[in-house]
């Protein structure tokens, strides 16, 4: 399977590394190159792959699938929806060191980094980022386009909404819910449910910003 990585920045380079490691482990994936709309990336070579052009050049490059390697959750959603409407296919990338229970469900386009653990009964949406060494315990539900940052620990029966970012090193205690399009700050400890569209920080996590109040 010939794979193009959309986004040549740091996140895209991690995706490329995972693809190379998948290939070394015997999976039938072939990284083709990057596309990136930033002029500064054009003509460069990163992570052993060329930057082949911009998103508009996708139609002229032979490929079987894409990974939308954009760290910002909203931008990743917007770009993905455009590409879906054009009939593009997406591949899930998973580092060989990840530990995933056999019954876990994982949506297309999701990225699972090194040393991630996903325990039984969990459902991971599409185009999710499960970043380095995060742990997702049993019977979690992770919404599409969410980002679980490095070193995050989610207890059992946790729900993370669509597009939410759970910041680096934070903890969500068992049976808690984080709503859609939320931000949980780095190092926070969530002990109560977090409603949609808010930013919560601290130990215990408290709401400091509500998007609904910004209008």
Protein backbone atom coordinates (compact mmCIF):
# COMPACT_ATOMS: atom_id res chain seq x y z
CA UNK A 1 0.00 0.00 0.00
CA UNK A 2 1.51 3.30 -1.17
CA UNK A 3 0.96 5.97 1.48
CA UNK A 4 1.27 9.75 1.29
CA UNK A 5 1.71 11.74 4.49
CA UNK A 6 -0.12 15.06 4.38
CA UNK A 7 1.94 17.40 6.54
CA UNK A 8 5.75 17.46 6.70
CA UNK A 9 6.14 19.05 10.14
CA UNK A 10 7.03 17.34 13.39
CA UNK A 11 3.81 15.35 13.59
CA UNK A 12 4.13 14.22 9.98
CA UNK A 13 7.69 13.10 10.59
CA UNK A 14 6.52 10.96 13.51
CA UNK A 15 3.92 9.41 11.20
CA UNK A 16 6.61 8.68 8.62
CA UNK A 17 8.76 7.02 11.27
CA UNK A 18 5.85 4.81 12.28
CA UNK A 19 5.26 3.84 8.65
CA UNK A 20 8.92 2.86 8.26
CA UNK A 21 8.74 0.78 11.43
CA UNK A 22 5.55 -0.90 10.27
CA UNK A 23 7.29 -1.78 7.02
CA UNK A 24 10.31 -3.18 8.90
CA UNK A 25 7.92 -5.32 10.94
CA UNK A 26 6.61 -6.91 7.75
CA UNK A 27 3.51 -4.85 6.99
CA UNK A 28 2.78 -4.06 3.35
CA UNK A 29 3.11 -0.29 3.54
CA UNK A 30 5.27 1.89 1.32
CA UNK A 31 5.72 5.54 2.36
CA UNK A 32 5.78 7.59 -0.84
CA UNK A 33 6.43 11.11 0.41
CA UNK A 34 4.97 14.22 2.01
CA UNK A 35 2.65 16.92 0.80
CA UNK A 36 2.65 20.25 2.62
CA UNK A 37 1.14 23.61 1.68
CA UNK A 38 3.96 25.60 3.29
CA UNK A 39 6.41 27.01 0.76
CA UNK A 40 9.30 26.39 3.16
CA UNK A 41 8.94 22.61 2.83
CA UNK A 42 8.94 22.46 -0.96
CA UNK A 43 11.81 20.48 -2.47
CA UNK A 44 13.07 19.26 0.88
CA UNK A 45 13.64 15.70 2.04
CA UNK A 46 12.74 14.73 5.62
CA UNK A 47 12.52 11.38 7.38
CA UNK A 48 13.98 9.74 4.27
CA UNK A 49 11.04 10.98 2.18
CA UNK A 50 10.71 13.79 -0.38
CA UNK A 51 8.22 16.63 -0.09
CA UNK A 52 6.42 16.07 -3.37
CA UNK A 53 4.40 19.27 -3.49
CA UNK A 54 1.27 20.77 -2.00
CA UNK A 55 -2.16 19.31 -1.31
CA UNK A 56 -3.35 20.39 -4.74
CA UNK A 57 -0.72 18.10 -6.28
CA UNK A 58 -2.26 14.99 -4.74
CA UNK A 59 -4.16 14.02 -7.88
CA UNK A 60 -0.96 13.58 -9.90
CA UNK A 61 0.84 11.32 -7.41
CA UNK A 62 0.19 7.60 -7.47
CA UNK A 63 -0.99 6.43 -4.05
CA UNK A 64 -3.40 4.08 -2.31
CA UNK A 65 -4.01 5.88 0.97
CA UNK A 66 -3.27 8.98 3.02
CA UNK A 67 -2.50 9.96 6.57
CA UNK A 68 -3.58 13.48 7.46
CA UNK A 69 -0.66 14.32 9.76
CA UNK A 70 -1.86 17.67 11.07
CA UNK A 71 -1.66 18.13 14.82
CA UNK A 72 -4.39 20.76 15.17
CA UNK A 73 -7.62 18.83 15.64
CA UNK A 74 -9.95 21.28 13.91
CA UNK A 75 -7.66 21.73 10.92
CA UNK A 76 -7.22 17.96 10.66
CA UNK A 77 -11.00 17.56 10.60
CA UNK A 78 -11.49 20.25 7.94
CA UNK A 79 -8.80 18.88 5.64
CA UNK A 80 -9.97 15.29 6.10
CA UNK A 81 -13.56 16.13 5.19
CA UNK A 82 -12.46 17.76 1.96
CA UNK A 83 -10.36 14.74 1.03
CA UNK A 84 -13.14 12.32 1.98
CA UNK A 85 -15.48 14.16 -0.38
CA UNK A 86 -12.90 13.59 -3.12
CA UNK A 87 -12.97 9.84 -2.47
CA UNK A 88 -9.58 9.52 -0.77
CA UNK A 89 -8.80 6.51 1.43
CA UNK A 90 -7.06 6.72 4.80
CA UNK A 91 -4.76 4.32 6.60
CA UNK A 92 -4.40 3.79 10.33
CA UNK A 93 -0.77 3.84 11.42
CA UNK A 94 0.32 1.91 14.50
CA UNK A 95 3.80 1.68 15.98
CA UNK A 96 4.91 -1.96 16.49
CA UNK A 97 5.54 -1.32 20.21
CA UNK A 98 1.90 -0.43 20.91
CA UNK A 99 -0.01 -2.90 23.09
CA UNK A 100 -3.62 -3.20 21.93
CA UNK A 101 -6.24 -5.64 23.24
CA UNK A 102 -7.73 -7.88 20.54
CA UNK A 103 -11.26 -6.47 20.81
CA UNK A 104 -10.31 -2.80 20.52
CA UNK A 105 -12.02 -0.99 17.63
CA UNK A 106 -9.98 1.65 15.81
CA UNK A 107 -11.26 4.02 13.11
CA UNK A 108 -9.50 4.86 9.87
CA UNK A 109 -6.78 7.48 9.75
CA UNK A 110 -5.88 7.15 13.42
CA UNK A 111 -2.25 7.37 14.55
CA UNK A 112 -0.98 5.20 17.41
CA UNK A 113 2.52 6.10 18.58
CA UNK A 114 5.27 4.20 20.36
CA UNK A 115 4.48 2.46 23.66
CA UNK A 116 0.77 3.27 23.64
CA UNK A 117 -1.43 0.85 25.61
CA UNK A 118 -5.12 0.34 24.76
CA UNK A 119 -7.04 -2.05 26.99
CA UNK A 120 -10.12 -4.23 26.28
CA UNK A 121 -13.51 -2.90 25.30
CA UNK A 122 -12.23 0.43 24.01
CA UNK A 123 -13.50 2.15 20.87
CA UNK A 124 -11.20 4.65 19.16
CA UNK A 125 -12.69 6.95 16.54
CA UNK A 126 -11.29 8.02 13.19
CA UNK A 127 -8.33 10.37 12.70
CA UNK A 128 -7.47 10.27 16.40
CA UNK A 129 -3.92 10.87 17.67
CA UNK A 130 -2.84 8.55 20.47
CA UNK A 131 0.54 10.05 21.22
CA UNK A 132 3.70 8.60 22.72
CA UNK A 133 3.26 6.34 25.76
CA UNK A 134 -0.31 7.32 26.57
CA UNK A 135 -2.50 4.68 28.20
CA UNK A 136 -6.16 4.14 27.44
CA UNK A 137 -7.75 1.77 29.92
CA UNK A 138 -10.70 -0.57 29.50
CA UNK A 139 -13.99 0.44 27.86
CA UNK A 140 -12.97 3.93 26.84
CA UNK A 141 -14.65 5.79 24.00
CA UNK A 142 -12.47 8.26 22.12
CA UNK A 143 -14.25 10.53 19.64
CA UNK A 144 -13.14 11.31 16.09
CA UNK A 145 -10.31 13.85 15.69
CA UNK A 146 -9.37 13.78 19.39
CA UNK A 147 -5.74 13.99 20.50
CA UNK A 148 -4.53 12.11 23.56
CA UNK A 149 -1.12 13.68 24.16
CA UNK A 150 2.12 11.99 25.29
CA UNK A 151 2.05 10.45 28.74
CA UNK A 152 -1.68 10.86 29.32
CA UNK A 153 -3.43 8.23 31.44
CA UNK A 154 -7.14 7.57 30.95
CA UNK A 155 -8.88 5.42 33.57
CA UNK A 156 -11.54 2.83 32.82
CA UNK A 157 -14.89 3.79 31.27
CA UNK A 158 -13.66 7.24 30.23
CA UNK A 159 -15.28 9.10 27.34
CA UNK A 160 -13.40 11.73 25.33
CA UNK A 161 -15.48 13.78 22.90
CA UNK A 162 -14.96 14.68 19.26
CA UNK A 163 -12.01 17.00 18.62
CA UNK A 164 -10.86 17.26 22.21
CA UNK A 165 -7.23 17.62 23.27
CA UNK A 166 -6.13 15.92 26.48
CA UNK A 167 -2.82 17.64 27.23
CA UNK A 168 0.55 16.10 27.90
CA UNK A 169 0.91 14.19 31.16
CA UNK A 170 -2.68 14.69 32.27
CA UNK A 171 -4.96 12.14 33.96
CA UNK A 172 -8.66 11.47 33.53
CA UNK A 173 -10.02 9.38 36.39
CA UNK A 174 -12.36 6.43 35.81
CA UNK A 175 -15.91 6.98 34.56
CA UNK A 176 -15.36 10.64 33.75
CA UNK A 177 -16.45 12.33 30.52
CA UNK A 178 -14.66 15.06 28.59
CA UNK A 179 -17.02 16.72 26.11
CA UNK A 180 -16.58 17.67 22.47
CA UNK A 181 -13.92 20.20 21.42
CA UNK A 182 -12.44 20.60 24.89
CA UNK A 183 -8.88 21.27 25.98
CA UNK A 184 -7.53 19.62 29.10
CA UNK A 185 -4.32 21.37 30.09
CA UNK A 186 -0.96 19.70 30.53
CA UNK A 187 -0.63 17.86 33.83
CA UNK A 188 -4.30 18.32 34.78
CA UNK A 189 -6.24 15.75 36.79
CA UNK A 190 -9.88 15.41 35.73
CA UNK A 191 -12.04 14.16 38.60
CA UNK A 192 -15.36 15.61 37.39
CA UNK A 193 -17.04 15.58 33.98
CA UNK A 194 -15.93 18.36 31.61
CA UNK A 195 -18.69 19.87 29.41
CA UNK A 196 -18.41 20.64 25.71
CA UNK A 197 -16.22 23.44 24.44
CA UNK A 198 -14.26 24.38 27.56
CA UNK A 199 -10.65 24.55 28.68
CA UNK A 200 -9.90 22.89 32.01
CA UNK A 201 -6.57 23.05 33.83
CA UNK A 202 -5.03 22.22 37.17
CA UNK A 203 -5.26 19.65 39.96
CA UNK A 204 -8.11 19.03 40.20
CA UNK A 205 -9.02 20.34 36.76
CA UNK A 206 -11.18 23.46 36.78
CA UNK A 207 -12.76 25.33 33.89
CA UNK A 208 -10.95 28.55 32.95
CA UNK A 209 -12.47 29.22 29.54
CA UNK A 210 -15.79 28.50 27.89
CA UNK A 211 -16.05 29.02 24.13
CA UNK A 212 -19.76 29.70 24.45
CA UNK A 213 -18.94 32.75 26.55
CA UNK A 214 -16.47 34.12 23.98
CA UNK A 215 -19.22 35.23 21.59
